[in-house]
Amino acid sequence: MLAIVLFLVIHHFSSLFVQTFFQHRYAAHQLFTMSKFWERFFFVLTWVTQGSSYLSASTYGRMHRMHHAFADTEKDVHSPKNDPTIWKMLMKTVYWYMGIFRGEIEVEERFKHDLPEWKRFDNFAHGMPSRIGWGVIYLCFYLYFAPSLWLLLLLPVHFFMGPIHGVIINWFSHKVGYRNHNTNDTSTNLFPIEVIMLGEGLHNNHHYAPTRPSFAQKWFEFDPTFGAIWVMDKLNIIQLKK
């Protein structure tokens, strides 16, 4: 049972970390720079940690920039203001994501610049053989370590870890929580949920100051990911923009 709990916790935090660090703060907002070596390293780390719910960094970047530009309007790619249920918002997000990834939906030129691209790897990691392979790995892990078969009900959490993280932020941090800033959207901060969401829950702060690498602003707010960013900047793995 302990192995299952640890695996679930590690998968949650590692998958969420690459999403907020690499796909969100690096790809979408370019809050820091890194060498091509480290960029490729984080591509591979994204595949290892997100596994069956791997997301393309460049596609994520395009979508997230559109979310900021059109927040809570009819053009928003995911907004609870426009979609009556979590499921409809999720399906709309999938529609936009897959359309952009496959090149079936064209986005404005302003959303395309300075995105990390590794198309061959994206196609491999995004492909169904890779997703199924990770699913089999998760299943085998559970079959070996789970003391009871009812724990297999947790497998969908692993299969759809990325979309689950997206739903938590894109739905609940536009529905509940508090606001530090009167932005032109419904974004909120989720305290103290931001800690287990590695800072992503400080959504209102981020919408107010999207070019700020730390999402925390009040004394009681905490952005764990910025701590990692600060350390990696000091180690010269990345270079924070001034």
Protein backbone atom coordinates (compact mmCIF):
# COMPACT_ATOMS: atom_id res chain seq x y z
CA MET A 1 0.00 0.00 0.00
CA LEU A 2 2.86 2.40 0.85
CA ALA A 3 4.40 1.85 -2.58
CA ILE A 4 1.09 2.76 -4.26
CA VAL A 5 0.71 5.94 -2.19
CA LEU A 6 4.30 6.99 -2.89
CA PHE A 7 3.89 6.28 -6.60
CA LEU A 8 0.70 8.35 -6.74
CA VAL A 9 2.32 11.25 -4.87
CA ILE A 10 5.51 11.16 -6.97
CA HIS A 11 3.56 10.94 -10.22
CA HIS A 12 1.34 13.87 -9.21
CA PHE A 13 4.16 16.22 -8.22
CA SER A 14 6.59 15.27 -10.99
CA SER A 15 3.95 15.55 -13.72
CA LEU A 16 2.71 18.85 -12.33
CA PHE A 17 6.25 20.22 -11.99
CA VAL A 18 7.14 19.82 -15.67
CA GLN A 19 3.79 21.31 -16.61
CA THR A 20 4.22 24.46 -14.54
CA PHE A 21 8.00 24.80 -15.00
CA PHE A 22 8.58 23.71 -18.60
CA GLN A 23 5.29 23.98 -20.44
CA HIS A 24 3.77 26.94 -18.60
CA ARG A 25 6.53 29.26 -17.35
CA TYR A 26 9.13 28.39 -19.98
CA ALA A 27 7.20 27.54 -23.17
CA ALA A 28 4.13 29.74 -22.82
CA HIS A 29 5.62 32.75 -21.03
CA GLN A 30 9.38 32.52 -21.66
CA LEU A 31 10.12 33.70 -18.11
CA PHE A 32 13.65 32.28 -18.38
CA THR A 33 15.96 30.86 -21.01
CA MET A 34 17.94 27.63 -21.19
CA SER A 35 20.38 25.94 -23.54
CA LYS A 36 19.25 23.51 -26.23
CA PHE A 37 20.71 20.65 -24.15
CA TRP A 38 18.57 21.50 -21.14
CA GLU A 39 15.54 22.12 -23.31
CA ARG A 40 15.85 18.60 -24.76
CA PHE A 41 16.45 17.26 -21.25
CA PHE A 42 13.14 18.71 -20.07
CA PHE A 43 11.36 17.39 -23.16
CA VAL A 44 12.43 13.88 -22.14
CA LEU A 45 11.66 14.52 -18.46
CA THR A 46 8.18 15.63 -19.48
CA TRP A 47 7.66 12.34 -21.30
CA VAL A 48 8.92 10.32 -18.32
CA THR A 49 6.81 12.17 -15.75
CA GLN A 50 3.61 12.86 -17.69
CA GLY A 51 3.70 9.47 -19.38
CA SER A 52 0.33 8.55 -20.84
CA SER A 53 -0.92 12.15 -20.55
CA TYR A 54 2.08 13.74 -22.30
CA LEU A 55 1.47 17.28 -23.57
CA SER A 56 3.36 19.02 -26.36
CA ALA A 57 5.12 22.09 -24.94
CA SER A 58 4.64 24.15 -28.10
CA THR A 59 0.94 23.27 -28.35
CA TYR A 60 0.47 24.00 -24.65
CA GLY A 61 2.26 27.32 -25.15
CA ARG A 62 -0.03 28.37 -28.00
CA MET A 63 -3.17 27.44 -26.08
CA HIS A 64 -2.11 29.12 -22.87
CA ARG A 65 -1.25 32.36 -24.66
CA MET A 66 -4.71 32.28 -26.21
CA HIS A 67 -6.22 31.76 -22.75
CA HIS A 68 -4.50 34.89 -21.46
CA ALA A 69 -5.40 36.95 -24.52
CA PHE A 70 -9.06 35.91 -24.54
CA ALA A 71 -9.67 35.04 -20.88
CA ASP A 72 -13.37 34.34 -20.20
CA THR A 73 -14.45 35.57 -23.63
CA GLU A 74 -16.03 33.43 -26.35
CA LYS A 75 -12.55 32.86 -27.81
CA ASP A 76 -11.15 31.39 -24.57
CA VAL A 77 -10.04 27.80 -25.17
CA HIS A 78 -11.13 26.78 -21.65
CA SER A 79 -13.35 28.91 -19.44
CA PRO A 80 -15.97 27.81 -16.89
CA LYS A 81 -17.76 31.06 -17.71
CA ASN A 82 -18.57 29.69 -21.17
CA ASP A 83 -18.93 25.99 -20.39
CA PRO A 84 -21.68 24.88 -17.96
CA THR A 85 -19.90 21.73 -16.73
CA ILE A 86 -16.37 20.53 -16.07
CA TRP A 87 -16.83 17.82 -18.69
CA LYS A 88 -17.80 20.28 -21.44
CA MET A 89 -14.87 22.52 -20.60
CA LEU A 90 -12.53 19.51 -20.69
CA MET A 91 -13.88 18.33 -24.05
CA LYS A 92 -13.54 21.84 -25.49
CA THR A 93 -9.93 21.95 -24.26
CA VAL A 94 -9.19 18.57 -25.87
CA TYR A 95 -10.77 19.76 -29.13
CA TRP A 96 -8.58 22.87 -29.26
CA TYR A 97 -5.45 21.06 -28.12
CA MET A 98 -5.70 18.23 -30.65
CA GLY A 99 -6.69 20.61 -33.44
CA ILE A 100 -3.66 22.83 -32.81
CA PHE A 101 -1.30 19.86 -32.39
CA ARG A 102 -2.43 18.26 -35.66
CA GLY A 103 -2.35 21.56 -37.53
CA GLU A 104 -6.11 21.45 -38.15
CA ILE A 105 -6.69 24.72 -36.24
CA GLU A 106 -4.61 27.72 -37.21
CA VAL A 107 -3.74 30.20 -34.46
CA GLU A 108 -2.66 33.80 -34.75
CA GLU A 109 1.01 34.44 -35.48
CA ARG A 110 1.49 36.32 -32.21
CA PHE A 111 0.92 33.10 -30.27
CA LYS A 112 3.60 31.12 -32.12
CA HIS A 113 6.87 32.91 -31.44
CA ASP A 114 9.76 31.53 -29.35
CA LEU A 115 8.23 28.15 -28.57
CA PRO A 116 10.35 25.06 -27.83
CA GLU A 117 10.07 22.72 -30.80
CA TRP A 118 11.12 19.09 -31.13
CA LYS A 119 8.58 17.69 -33.54
CA ARG A 120 10.03 14.20 -33.93
CA PHE A 121 10.07 13.66 -30.20
CA ASP A 122 6.63 15.22 -29.79
CA ASN A 123 5.20 12.83 -32.38
CA PHE A 124 6.79 9.87 -30.62
CA ALA A 125 5.78 10.86 -27.07
CA HIS A 126 2.34 11.96 -28.22
CA GLY A 127 1.65 8.77 -30.14
CA MET A 128 -0.71 6.04 -29.02
CA PRO A 129 2.01 3.35 -28.67
CA SER A 130 3.79 5.55 -26.12
CA ARG A 131 0.58 6.32 -24.22
CA ILE A 132 -0.47 2.67 -24.14
CA GLY A 133 3.04 1.63 -23.11
CA TRP A 134 2.96 3.94 -20.09
CA GLY A 135 -0.51 2.67 -19.24
CA VAL A 136 0.80 -0.90 -19.22
CA ILE A 137 3.68 0.16 -16.94
CA TYR A 138 1.23 1.73 -14.48
CA LEU A 139 -0.95 -1.39 -14.57
CA CYS A 140 1.98 -3.73 -13.96
CA PHE A 141 3.15 -1.59 -11.04
CA TYR A 142 -0.27 -1.79 -9.43
CA LEU A 143 -0.65 -5.51 -10.05
CA TYR A 144 2.69 -6.11 -8.36
CA PHE A 145 2.37 -3.76 -5.38
CA ALA A 146 -1.37 -3.34 -4.76
CA PRO A 147 -2.56 -5.39 -1.76
CA SER A 148 -6.11 -5.33 -3.13
CA LEU A 149 -7.51 -5.20 -6.65
CA TRP A 150 -9.87 -2.34 -5.73
CA LEU A 151 -6.80 -0.08 -5.87
CA LEU A 152 -6.85 -0.55 -9.64
CA LEU A 153 -9.62 2.07 -9.57
CA LEU A 154 -6.82 4.61 -9.07
CA LEU A 155 -5.31 3.84 -12.48
CA PRO A 156 -7.41 6.41 -14.38
CA VAL A 157 -5.80 9.10 -12.20
CA HIS A 158 -2.43 8.08 -13.64
CA PHE A 159 -3.77 7.72 -17.19
CA PHE A 160 -5.22 11.26 -17.18
CA MET A 161 -2.93 13.04 -14.72
CA GLY A 162 -2.32 16.03 -17.01
CA PRO A 163 -6.00 16.73 -17.80
CA ILE A 164 -6.84 16.38 -14.09
CA HIS A 165 -4.32 19.09 -13.24
CA GLY A 166 -5.72 21.26 -16.00
CA VAL A 167 -9.28 20.87 -14.73
CA ILE A 168 -8.32 21.79 -11.16
CA ILE A 169 -6.74 25.06 -12.28
CA ASN A 170 -8.87 26.03 -15.26
CA TRP A 171 -12.17 25.29 -13.55
CA PHE A 172 -11.81 25.83 -9.82
CA SER A 173 -9.46 28.83 -9.98
CA HIS A 174 -12.06 30.61 -12.05
CA LYS A 175 -14.88 29.54 -9.72
CA VAL A 176 -13.78 29.62 -6.08
CA GLY A 177 -11.07 31.28 -4.02
CA TYR A 178 -10.02 34.87 -3.37
CA ARG A 179 -8.74 37.69 -5.58
CA ASN A 180 -5.82 40.01 -4.92
CA HIS A 181 -6.39 41.91 -8.16
CA ASN A 182 -9.42 43.13 -10.05
CA THR A 183 -8.47 41.60 -13.40
CA ASN A 184 -10.75 41.53 -16.44
CA ASP A 185 -11.52 37.87 -15.91
CA THR A 186 -12.78 35.52 -13.19
CA SER A 187 -9.37 34.20 -12.09
CA THR A 188 -8.94 33.42 -8.38
CA ASN A 189 -6.28 32.16 -5.97
CA LEU A 190 -6.74 28.80 -4.28
CA PHE A 191 -5.23 29.02 -0.78
CA PRO A 192 -3.77 26.73 0.51
CA ILE A 193 -4.28 24.49 -2.53
CA GLU A 194 -1.49 26.35 -4.35
CA VAL A 195 1.08 24.45 -2.28
CA ILE A 196 0.05 21.01 -3.55
CA MET A 197 -0.46 22.55 -7.02
CA LEU A 198 3.14 23.88 -6.94
CA GLY A 199 2.04 27.50 -7.21
CA GLU A 200 -0.38 27.05 -10.10
CA GLY A 201 -3.30 27.75 -7.76
CA LEU A 202 -2.22 31.40 -7.50
CA HIS A 203 -4.08 31.99 -10.73
CA ASN A 204 -5.37 35.51 -10.10
CA ASN A 205 -1.85 36.68 -9.25
CA HIS A 206 -0.57 35.10 -12.45
CA HIS A 207 -3.26 36.67 -14.64
CA TYR A 208 -2.43 40.06 -13.12
CA ALA A 209 1.34 39.70 -13.65
CA PRO A 210 1.94 36.93 -16.25
CA THR A 211 5.60 37.91 -16.79
CA ARG A 212 6.50 37.47 -13.12
CA PRO A 213 8.29 34.12 -12.47
CA SER A 214 6.98 33.85 -8.89
CA PHE A 215 3.21 33.55 -8.62
CA ALA A 216 3.22 34.34 -4.88
CA GLN A 217 2.61 37.96 -3.86
CA LYS A 218 1.13 38.07 -0.33
CA TRP A 219 3.21 37.08 2.71
CA PHE A 220 1.17 33.92 3.30
CA GLU A 221 1.26 32.71 -0.32
CA PHE A 222 3.82 30.12 -1.39
CA ASP A 223 5.01 29.15 -4.86
CA PRO A 224 7.21 26.01 -4.55
CA THR A 225 8.10 26.02 -8.24
CA PHE A 226 9.75 29.42 -7.99
CA GLY A 227 12.09 27.96 -5.36
CA ALA A 228 13.21 25.38 -7.91
CA ILE A 229 13.54 28.10 -10.56
CA TRP A 230 15.70 30.20 -8.24
CA VAL A 231 18.01 27.25 -7.51
CA MET A 232 18.33 26.29 -11.18
CA ASP A 233 19.11 29.90 -12.04
CA LYS A 234 21.92 29.91 -9.47
CA LEU A 235 23.23 26.63 -10.89
CA ASN A 236 23.13 28.17 -14.39
CA ILE A 237 20.76 25.49 -15.68
CA ILE A 238 18.38 28.28 -16.64
CA GLN A 239 18.76 32.07 -16.85
CA LEU A 240 16.00 34.16 -15.34
CA LYS A 241 15.07 37.17 -17.43
CA LYS A 242 15.65 40.47 -15.68
